[in-house]
Amino acid sequence: MRAHDGYRNVDPEILPDIARAHCADRGYCNVMGWIDPEYAAKGFPMTPREVNEVKFQYLVNRATSLEQMMWDCRIWKQDDANRCSPVD
């Protein structure tokens, strides 16, 4: 999933639904979203700048029952600070 400038105004509550739909029944899935496509990852390993520009991340590992969402809270405020991505 690649974010674009329009996602800045997207209701953040729909991003998990988009990520879940993308992951569907995969056993492991990691979805990252960027606002500026210039900084979106072009491949792996990602550069430090690409990592720092991730604005939304969804991770699911069905084998361990892990489901996690992280947000860039400078853009999308969260009531729970544990849902905020670390900021440099």
PDB file of N, CA and C in Angstrom:
ATOM      1  N   MET A   1       0.853  -1.177   0.000  1.00  0.00           N
ATOM      2  CA  MET A   1       0.000   0.000   0.000  1.00  0.00           C
ATOM      3  C   MET A   1       0.890   1.227   0.000  1.00  0.00           C
ATOM      4  N   ARG A   2       0.663   2.112  -0.878  1.00  0.00           N
ATOM      5  CA  ARG A   2       1.421   3.345  -0.928  1.00  0.00           C
ATOM      6  C   ARG A   2       0.503   4.508  -0.632  1.00  0.00           C
ATOM      7  N   ALA A   3       0.888   5.300   0.345  1.00  0.00           N
ATOM      8  CA  ALA A   3       0.109   6.496   0.663  1.00  0.00           C
ATOM      9  C   ALA A   3       0.457   7.588  -0.343  1.00  0.00           C
ATOM     10  N   HIS A   4      -0.402   8.543  -0.478  1.00  0.00           N
ATOM     11  CA  HIS A   4      -0.132   9.695  -1.329  1.00  0.00           C
ATOM     12  C   HIS A   4      -0.631  10.922  -0.613  1.00  0.00           C
ATOM     13  N   ASP A   5      -0.410  12.096  -1.195  1.00  0.00           N
ATOM     14  CA  ASP A   5      -0.747  13.347  -0.522  1.00  0.00           C
ATOM     15  C   ASP A   5      -2.174  13.379  -0.009  1.00  0.00           C
ATOM     16  N   GLY A   6      -3.091  12.723  -0.719  1.00  0.00           N
ATOM     17  CA  GLY A   6      -4.486  12.726  -0.306  1.00  0.00           C
ATOM     18  C   GLY A   6      -4.718  12.032   1.018  1.00  0.00           C
ATOM     19  N   TYR A   7      -3.816  11.135   1.422  1.00  0.00           N
ATOM     20  CA  TYR A   7      -4.015  10.418   2.678  1.00  0.00           C
ATOM     21  C   TYR A   7      -3.860  11.317   3.894  1.00  0.00           C
ATOM     22  N   ARG A   8      -3.223  12.462   3.727  1.00  0.00           N
ATOM     23  CA  ARG A   8      -3.070  13.388   4.849  1.00  0.00           C
ATOM     24  C   ARG A   8      -4.452  13.759   5.404  1.00  0.00           C
ATOM     25  N   ASN A   9      -5.451  13.805   4.532  1.00  0.00           N
ATOM     26  CA  ASN A   9      -6.795  14.189   4.937  1.00  0.00           C
ATOM     27  C   ASN A   9      -7.726  12.998   5.126  1.00  0.00           C
ATOM     28  N   VAL A  10      -7.190  11.795   5.010  1.00  0.00           N
ATOM     29  CA  VAL A  10      -8.001  10.589   5.174  1.00  0.00           C
ATOM     30  C   VAL A  10      -8.310  10.377   6.646  1.00  0.00           C
ATOM     31  N   ASP A  11      -9.514   9.925   6.923  1.00  0.00           N
ATOM     32  CA  ASP A  11      -9.873   9.538   8.282  1.00  0.00           C
ATOM     33  C   ASP A  11      -8.972   8.366   8.667  1.00  0.00           C
ATOM     34  N   PRO A  12      -8.139   8.517   9.693  1.00  0.00           N
ATOM     35  CA  PRO A  12      -7.195   7.451  10.040  1.00  0.00           C
ATOM     36  C   PRO A  12      -7.880   6.154  10.448  1.00  0.00           C
ATOM     37  N   GLU A  13      -9.134   6.224  10.782  1.00  0.00           N
ATOM     38  CA  GLU A  13      -9.845   5.010  11.186  1.00  0.00           C
ATOM     39  C   GLU A  13     -10.029   4.032  10.026  1.00  0.00           C
ATOM     40  N   ILE A  14      -9.935   4.506   8.782  1.00  0.00           N
ATOM     41  CA  ILE A  14     -10.104   3.572   7.659  1.00  0.00           C
ATOM     42  C   ILE A  14      -8.782   2.916   7.243  1.00  0.00           C
ATOM     43  N   LEU A  15      -7.642   3.483   7.662  1.00  0.00           N
ATOM     44  CA  LEU A  15      -6.363   2.889   7.281  1.00  0.00           C
ATOM     45  C   LEU A  15      -6.214   1.452   7.775  1.00  0.00           C
ATOM     46  N   PRO A  16      -6.616   1.126   9.004  1.00  0.00           N
ATOM     47  CA  PRO A  16      -6.544  -0.282   9.416  1.00  0.00           C
ATOM     48  C   PRO A  16      -7.390  -1.194   8.528  1.00  0.00           C
ATOM     49  N   ASP A  17      -8.553  -0.731   8.106  1.00  0.00           N
ATOM     50  CA  ASP A  17      -9.401  -1.551   7.235  1.00  0.00           C
ATOM     51  C   ASP A  17      -8.722  -1.799   5.888  1.00  0.00           C
ATOM     52  N   ILE A  18      -8.074  -0.770   5.355  1.00  0.00           N
ATOM     53  CA  ILE A  18      -7.353  -0.926   4.095  1.00  0.00           C
ATOM     54  C   ILE A  18      -6.224  -1.935   4.276  1.00  0.00           C
ATOM     55  N   ALA A  19      -5.467  -1.794   5.367  1.00  0.00           N
ATOM     56  CA  ALA A  19      -4.343  -2.705   5.628  1.00  0.00           C
ATOM     57  C   ALA A  19      -4.836  -4.134   5.860  1.00  0.00           C
ATOM     58  N   ARG A  20      -5.896  -4.288   6.648  1.00  0.00           N
ATOM     59  CA  ARG A  20      -6.434  -5.638   6.901  1.00  0.00           C
ATOM     60  C   ARG A  20      -6.906  -6.290   5.605  1.00  0.00           C
ATOM     61  N   ALA A  21      -7.538  -5.522   4.748  1.00  0.00           N
ATOM     62  CA  ALA A  21      -8.002  -6.073   3.470  1.00  0.00           C
ATOM     63  C   ALA A  21      -6.807  -6.494   2.613  1.00  0.00           C
ATOM     64  N   HIS A  22      -5.754  -5.701   2.646  1.00  0.00           N
ATOM     65  CA  HIS A  22      -4.557  -6.050   1.883  1.00  0.00           C
ATOM     66  C   HIS A  22      -3.933  -7.346   2.412  1.00  0.00           C
ATOM     67  N   CYS A  23      -3.907  -7.500   3.727  1.00  0.00           N
ATOM     68  CA  CYS A  23      -3.274  -8.679   4.333  1.00  0.00           C
ATOM     69  C   CYS A  23      -4.155  -9.914   4.257  1.00  0.00           C
ATOM     70  N   ALA A  24      -5.458  -9.712   4.207  1.00  0.00           N
ATOM     71  CA  ALA A  24      -6.428 -10.810   4.090  1.00  0.00           C
ATOM     72  C   ALA A  24      -6.056 -11.973   5.004  1.00  0.00           C
ATOM     73  N   ASP A  25      -5.813 -13.145   4.427  1.00  0.00           N
ATOM     74  CA  ASP A  25      -5.533 -14.344   5.223  1.00  0.00           C
ATOM     75  C   ASP A  25      -4.048 -14.690   5.283  1.00  0.00           C
ATOM     76  N   ARG A  26      -3.193 -13.763   4.945  1.00  0.00           N
ATOM     77  CA  ARG A  26      -1.750 -14.042   5.022  1.00  0.00           C
ATOM     78  C   ARG A  26      -1.361 -14.313   6.474  1.00  0.00           C
ATOM     79  N   GLY A  27      -0.460 -15.228   6.658  1.00  0.00           N
ATOM     80  CA  GLY A  27       0.004 -15.553   8.004  1.00  0.00           C
ATOM     81  C   GLY A  27       0.814 -14.440   8.625  1.00  0.00           C
ATOM     82  N   TYR A  28       1.580 -13.736   7.795  1.00  0.00           N
ATOM     83  CA  TYR A  28       2.386 -12.608   8.252  1.00  0.00           C
ATOM     84  C   TYR A  28       2.273 -11.507   7.208  1.00  0.00           C
ATOM     85  N   CYS A  29       2.084 -10.300   7.665  1.00  0.00           N
ATOM     86  CA  CYS A  29       1.932  -9.185   6.736  1.00  0.00           C
ATOM     87  C   CYS A  29       2.356  -7.899   7.430  1.00  0.00           C
ATOM     88  N   ASN A  30       3.081  -7.069   6.701  1.00  0.00           N
ATOM     89  CA  ASN A  30       3.530  -5.782   7.215  1.00  0.00           C
ATOM     90  C   ASN A  30       3.218  -4.734   6.150  1.00  0.00           C
ATOM     91  N   VAL A  31       2.331  -3.815   6.474  1.00  0.00           N
ATOM     92  CA  VAL A  31       1.914  -2.763   5.550  1.00  0.00           C
ATOM     93  C   VAL A  31       2.431  -1.433   6.086  1.00  0.00           C
ATOM     94  N   MET A  32       3.085  -0.672   5.222  1.00  0.00           N
ATOM     95  CA  MET A  32       3.582   0.648   5.603  1.00  0.00           C
ATOM     96  C   MET A  32       3.017   1.676   4.651  1.00  0.00           C
ATOM     97  N   GLY A  33       2.759   2.855   5.164  1.00  0.00           N
ATOM     98  CA  GLY A  33       2.220   3.923   4.336  1.00  0.00           C
ATOM     99  C   GLY A  33       3.022   5.198   4.499  1.00  0.00           C
ATOM    100  N   TRP A  34       3.211   5.885   3.397  1.00  0.00           N
ATOM    101  CA  TRP A  34       3.918   7.159   3.356  1.00  0.00           C
ATOM    102  C   TRP A  34       2.976   8.214   2.799  1.00  0.00           C
ATOM    103  N   ILE A  35       3.188   9.457   3.181  1.00  0.00           N
ATOM    104  CA  ILE A  35       2.400  10.553   2.620  1.00  0.00           C
ATOM    105  C   ILE A  35       3.041  11.052   1.342  1.00  0.00           C
ATOM    106  N   ASP A  36       4.359  11.195   1.342  1.00  0.00           N
ATOM    107  CA  ASP A  36       5.069  11.697   0.175  1.00  0.00           C
ATOM    108  C   ASP A  36       5.672  10.521  -0.586  1.00  0.00           C
ATOM    109  N   PRO A  37       5.200  10.240  -1.798  1.00  0.00           N
ATOM    110  CA  PRO A  37       5.709   9.097  -2.544  1.00  0.00           C
ATOM    111  C   PRO A  37       7.209   9.179  -2.816  1.00  0.00           C
ATOM    112  N   GLU A  38       7.768  10.374  -2.796  1.00  0.00           N
ATOM    113  CA  GLU A  38       9.212  10.522  -3.010  1.00  0.00           C
ATOM    114  C   GLU A  38      10.010   9.783  -1.931  1.00  0.00           C
ATOM    115  N   TYR A  39       9.437   9.681  -0.724  1.00  0.00           N
ATOM    116  CA  TYR A  39      10.135   9.055   0.394  1.00  0.00           C
ATOM    117  C   TYR A  39       9.690   7.623   0.651  1.00  0.00           C
ATOM    118  N   ALA A  40       8.752   7.126  -0.134  1.00  0.00           N
ATOM    119  CA  ALA A  40       8.284   5.747   0.036  1.00  0.00           C
ATOM    120  C   ALA A  40       9.394   4.783  -0.358  1.00  0.00           C
ATOM    121  N   ALA A  41       9.440   3.660   0.311  1.00  0.00           N
ATOM    122  CA  ALA A  41      10.475   2.666   0.042  1.00  0.00           C
ATOM    123  C   ALA A  41      10.419   2.212  -1.407  1.00  0.00           C
ATOM    124  N   LYS A  42      11.576   2.106  -1.998  1.00  0.00           N
ATOM    125  CA  LYS A  42      11.682   1.624  -3.375  1.00  0.00           C
ATOM    126  C   LYS A  42      12.083   0.157  -3.391  1.00  0.00           C
ATOM    127  N   GLY A  43      12.498  -0.370  -2.240  1.00  0.00           N
ATOM    128  CA  GLY A  43      12.943  -1.749  -2.130  1.00  0.00           C
ATOM    129  C   GLY A  43      13.471  -1.994  -0.723  1.00  0.00           C
ATOM    130  N   PHE A  44      14.000  -3.168  -0.526  1.00  0.00           N
ATOM    131  CA  PHE A  44      14.527  -3.530   0.790  1.00  0.00           C
ATOM    132  C   PHE A  44      15.978  -3.950   0.646  1.00  0.00           C
ATOM    133  N   PRO A  45      16.814  -3.621   1.599  1.00  0.00           N
ATOM    134  CA  PRO A  45      16.473  -2.924   2.834  1.00  0.00           C
ATOM    135  C   PRO A  45      16.137  -1.455   2.555  1.00  0.00           C
ATOM    136  N   MET A  46      15.308  -0.899   3.430  1.00  0.00           N
ATOM    137  CA  MET A  46      14.917   0.492   3.300  1.00  0.00           C
ATOM    138  C   MET A  46      16.044   1.383   3.803  1.00  0.00           C
ATOM    139  N   THR A  47      16.114   2.580   3.231  1.00  0.00           N
ATOM    140  CA  THR A  47      17.094   3.548   3.704  1.00  0.00           C
ATOM    141  C   THR A  47      16.598   4.142   5.021  1.00  0.00           C
ATOM    142  N   PRO A  48      17.493   4.708   5.817  1.00  0.00           N
ATOM    143  CA  PRO A  48      17.044   5.361   7.057  1.00  0.00           C
ATOM    144  C   PRO A  48      15.983   6.431   6.801  1.00  0.00           C
ATOM    145  N   ARG A  49      16.116   7.171   5.716  1.00  0.00           N
ATOM    146  CA  ARG A  49      15.124   8.220   5.420  1.00  0.00           C
ATOM    147  C   ARG A  49      13.756   7.603   5.132  1.00  0.00           C
ATOM    148  N   GLU A  50      13.728   6.508   4.365  1.00  0.00           N
ATOM    149  CA  GLU A  50      12.461   5.840   4.059  1.00  0.00           C
ATOM    150  C   GLU A  50      11.812   5.329   5.346  1.00  0.00           C
ATOM    151  N   VAL A  51      12.605   4.765   6.233  1.00  0.00           N
ATOM    152  CA  VAL A  51      12.085   4.283   7.518  1.00  0.00           C
ATOM    153  C   VAL A  51      11.516   5.448   8.323  1.00  0.00           C
ATOM    154  N   ASN A  52      12.242   6.547   8.369  1.00  0.00           N
ATOM    155  CA  ASN A  52      11.800   7.703   9.159  1.00  0.00           C
ATOM    156  C   ASN A  52      10.557   8.368   8.603  1.00  0.00           C
ATOM    157  N   GLU A  53      10.274   8.158   7.330  1.00  0.00           N
ATOM    158  CA  GLU A  53       9.114   8.795   6.707  1.00  0.00           C
ATOM    159  C   GLU A  53       7.849   7.933   6.729  1.00  0.00           C
ATOM    160  N   VAL A  54       7.902   6.735   7.315  1.00  0.00           N
ATOM    161  CA  VAL A  54       6.702   5.891   7.436  1.00  0.00           C
ATOM    162  C   VAL A  54       5.694   6.629   8.319  1.00  0.00           C
ATOM    163  N   LYS A  55       4.479   6.765   7.843  1.00  0.00           N
ATOM    164  CA  LYS A  55       3.444   7.501   8.582  1.00  0.00           C
ATOM    165  C   LYS A  55       2.413   6.575   9.221  1.00  0.00           C
ATOM    166  N   PHE A  56       2.286   5.376   8.688  1.00  0.00           N
ATOM    167  CA  PHE A  56       1.354   4.387   9.229  1.00  0.00           C
ATOM    168  C   PHE A  56       1.961   3.016   8.990  1.00  0.00           C
ATOM    169  N   GLN A  57       1.831   2.150   9.987  1.00  0.00           N
ATOM    170  CA  GLN A  57       2.316   0.783   9.831  1.00  0.00           C
ATOM    171  C   GLN A  57       1.344  -0.178  10.490  1.00  0.00           C
ATOM    172  N   TYR A  58       1.065  -1.246   9.771  1.00  0.00           N
ATOM    173  CA  TYR A  58       0.192  -2.319  10.272  1.00  0.00           C
ATOM    174  C   TYR A  58       0.980  -3.607  10.162  1.00  0.00           C
ATOM    175  N   LEU A  59       1.038  -4.338  11.252  1.00  0.00           N
ATOM    176  CA  LEU A  59       1.759  -5.601  11.293  1.00  0.00           C
ATOM    177  C   LEU A  59       0.849  -6.666  11.870  1.00  0.00           C
ATOM    178  N   VAL A  60       0.763  -7.808  11.177  1.00  0.00           N
ATOM    179  CA  VAL A  60      -0.008  -8.935  11.694  1.00  0.00           C
ATOM    180  C   VAL A  60       0.836 -10.199  11.538  1.00  0.00           C
ATOM    181  N   ASN A  61       0.860 -10.979  12.610  1.00  0.00           N
ATOM    182  CA  ASN A  61       1.506 -12.292  12.608  1.00  0.00           C
ATOM    183  C   ASN A  61       0.501 -13.246  13.239  1.00  0.00           C
ATOM    184  N   ARG A  62      -0.191 -13.988  12.416  1.00  0.00           N
ATOM    185  CA  ARG A  62      -1.269 -14.847  12.913  1.00  0.00           C
ATOM    186  C   ARG A  62      -0.744 -15.994  13.773  1.00  0.00           C
ATOM    187  N   ALA A  63       0.511 -16.427  13.562  1.00  0.00           N
ATOM    188  CA  ALA A  63       1.082 -17.513  14.360  1.00  0.00           C
ATOM    189  C   ALA A  63       1.254 -17.109  15.827  1.00  0.00           C
ATOM    190  N   THR A  64       1.467 -15.817  16.055  1.00  0.00           N
ATOM    191  CA  THR A  64       1.658 -15.339  17.431  1.00  0.00           C
ATOM    192  C   THR A  64       0.485 -14.479  17.919  1.00  0.00           C
ATOM    193  N   SER A  65      -0.544 -14.345  17.102  1.00  0.00           N
ATOM    194  CA  SER A  65      -1.722 -13.521  17.412  1.00  0.00           C
ATOM    195  C   SER A  65      -1.375 -12.042  17.579  1.00  0.00           C
ATOM    196  N   LEU A  66      -0.303 -11.603  16.929  1.00  0.00           N
ATOM    197  CA  LEU A  66       0.087 -10.195  16.986  1.00  0.00           C
ATOM    198  C   LEU A  66      -0.658  -9.411  15.920  1.00  0.00           C
ATOM    199  N   GLU A  67      -1.263  -8.327  16.323  1.00  0.00           N
ATOM    200  CA  GLU A  67      -1.831  -7.348  15.402  1.00  0.00           C
ATOM    201  C   GLU A  67      -1.497  -5.988  15.990  1.00  0.00           C
ATOM    202  N   GLN A  68      -0.748  -5.195  15.242  1.00  0.00           N
ATOM    203  CA  GLN A  68      -0.257  -3.923  15.765  1.00  0.00           C
ATOM    204  C   GLN A  68      -0.387  -2.848  14.702  1.00  0.00           C
ATOM    205  N   MET A  69      -0.794  -1.659  15.141  1.00  0.00           N
ATOM    206  CA  MET A  69      -0.865  -0.494  14.275  1.00  0.00           C
ATOM    207  C   MET A  69      -0.069   0.623  14.924  1.00  0.00           C
ATOM    208  N   MET A  70       0.747   1.262  14.110  1.00  0.00           N
ATOM    209  CA  MET A  70       1.530   2.390  14.591  1.00  0.00           C
ATOM    210  C   MET A  70       1.249   3.589  13.688  1.00  0.00           C
ATOM    211  N   TRP A  71       1.168   4.753  14.298  1.00  0.00           N
ATOM    212  CA  TRP A  71       0.801   5.969  13.603  1.00  0.00           C
ATOM    213  C   TRP A  71       1.877   7.028  13.817  1.00  0.00           C
ATOM    214  N   ASP A  72       2.073   7.888  12.835  1.00  0.00           N
ATOM    215  CA  ASP A  72       2.863   9.091  13.049  1.00  0.00           C
ATOM    216  C   ASP A  72       1.917  10.084  13.705  1.00  0.00           C
ATOM    217  N   CYS A  73       2.042  10.221  15.001  1.00  0.00           N
ATOM    218  CA  CYS A  73       1.082  11.029  15.767  1.00  0.00           C
ATOM    219  C   CYS A  73       1.282  12.529  15.577  1.00  0.00           C
ATOM    220  N   ARG A  74       2.329  12.904  14.847  1.00  0.00           N
ATOM    221  CA  ARG A  74       2.455  14.317  14.475  1.00  0.00           C
ATOM    222  C   ARG A  74       1.414  14.658  13.416  1.00  0.00           C
ATOM    223  N   ILE A  75       0.944  13.640  12.698  1.00  0.00           N
ATOM    224  CA  ILE A  75      -0.059  13.838  11.651  1.00  0.00           C
ATOM    225  C   ILE A  75      -1.433  13.397  12.136  1.00  0.00           C
ATOM    226  N   TRP A  76      -1.502  12.183  12.688  1.00  0.00           N
ATOM    227  CA  TRP A  76      -2.762  11.624  13.152  1.00  0.00           C
ATOM    228  C   TRP A  76      -2.664  11.375  14.653  1.00  0.00           C
ATOM    229  N   LYS A  77      -3.264  12.247  15.435  1.00  0.00           N
ATOM    230  CA  LYS A  77      -3.224  12.132  16.893  1.00  0.00           C
ATOM    231  C   LYS A  77      -3.922  10.855  17.338  1.00  0.00           C
ATOM    232  N   GLN A  78      -3.367  10.234  18.380  1.00  0.00           N
ATOM    233  CA  GLN A  78      -3.930   9.018  18.962  1.00  0.00           C
ATOM    234  C   GLN A  78      -4.139   9.241  20.446  1.00  0.00           C
ATOM    235  N   ASP A  79      -5.210   8.674  20.989  1.00  0.00           N
ATOM    236  CA  ASP A  79      -5.451   8.781  22.438  1.00  0.00           C
ATOM    237  C   ASP A  79      -4.431   7.981  23.222  1.00  0.00           C
ATOM    238  N   ASP A  80      -3.944   6.903  22.636  1.00  0.00           N
ATOM    239  CA  ASP A  80      -2.977   6.018  23.292  1.00  0.00           C
ATOM    240  C   ASP A  80      -1.599   6.253  22.682  1.00  0.00           C
ATOM    241  N   ALA A  81      -0.681   6.820  23.464  1.00  0.00           N
ATOM    242  CA  ALA A  81       0.667   7.121  22.961  1.00  0.00           C
ATOM    243  C   ALA A  81       1.417   5.873  22.540  1.00  0.00           C
ATOM    244  N   ASN A  82       1.001   4.704  23.014  1.00  0.00           N
ATOM    245  CA  ASN A  82       1.649   3.452  22.605  1.00  0.00           C
ATOM    246  C   ASN A  82       1.382   3.119  21.151  1.00  0.00           C
ATOM    247  N   ARG A  83       0.418   3.798  20.543  1.00  0.00           N
ATOM    248  CA  ARG A  83       0.107   3.587  19.120  1.00  0.00           C
ATOM    249  C   ARG A  83       0.890   4.526  18.219  1.00  0.00           C
ATOM    250  N   CYS A  84       1.750   5.359  18.829  1.00  0.00           N
ATOM    251  CA  CYS A  84       2.537   6.325  18.062  1.00  0.00           C
ATOM    252  C   CYS A  84       3.884   5.731  17.680  1.00  0.00           C
ATOM    253  N   SER A  85       4.289   5.964  16.435  1.00  0.00           N
ATOM    254  CA  SER A  85       5.608   5.532  15.979  1.00  0.00           C
ATOM    255  C   SER A  85       6.676   6.341  16.695  1.00  0.00           C
ATOM    256  N   PRO A  86       7.819   5.713  16.954  1.00  0.00           N
ATOM    257  CA  PRO A  86       8.932   6.484  17.532  1.00  0.00           C
ATOM    258  C   PRO A  86       9.342   7.581  16.562  1.00  0.00           C
ATOM    259  N   VAL A  87       9.715   8.718  17.083  1.00  0.00           N
ATOM    260  CA  VAL A  87      10.114   9.862  16.271  1.00  0.00           C
ATOM    261  C   VAL A  87      11.560  10.190  16.612  1.00  0.00           C
ATOM    262  N   ASP A  88      12.348  10.437  15.554  1.00  0.00           N
ATOM    263  CA  ASP A  88      13.744  10.837  15.777  1.00  0.00           C
ATOM    264  C   ASP A  88      13.833  12.231  16.309  1.00  0.00           C
TER     265      ASP A  88
END
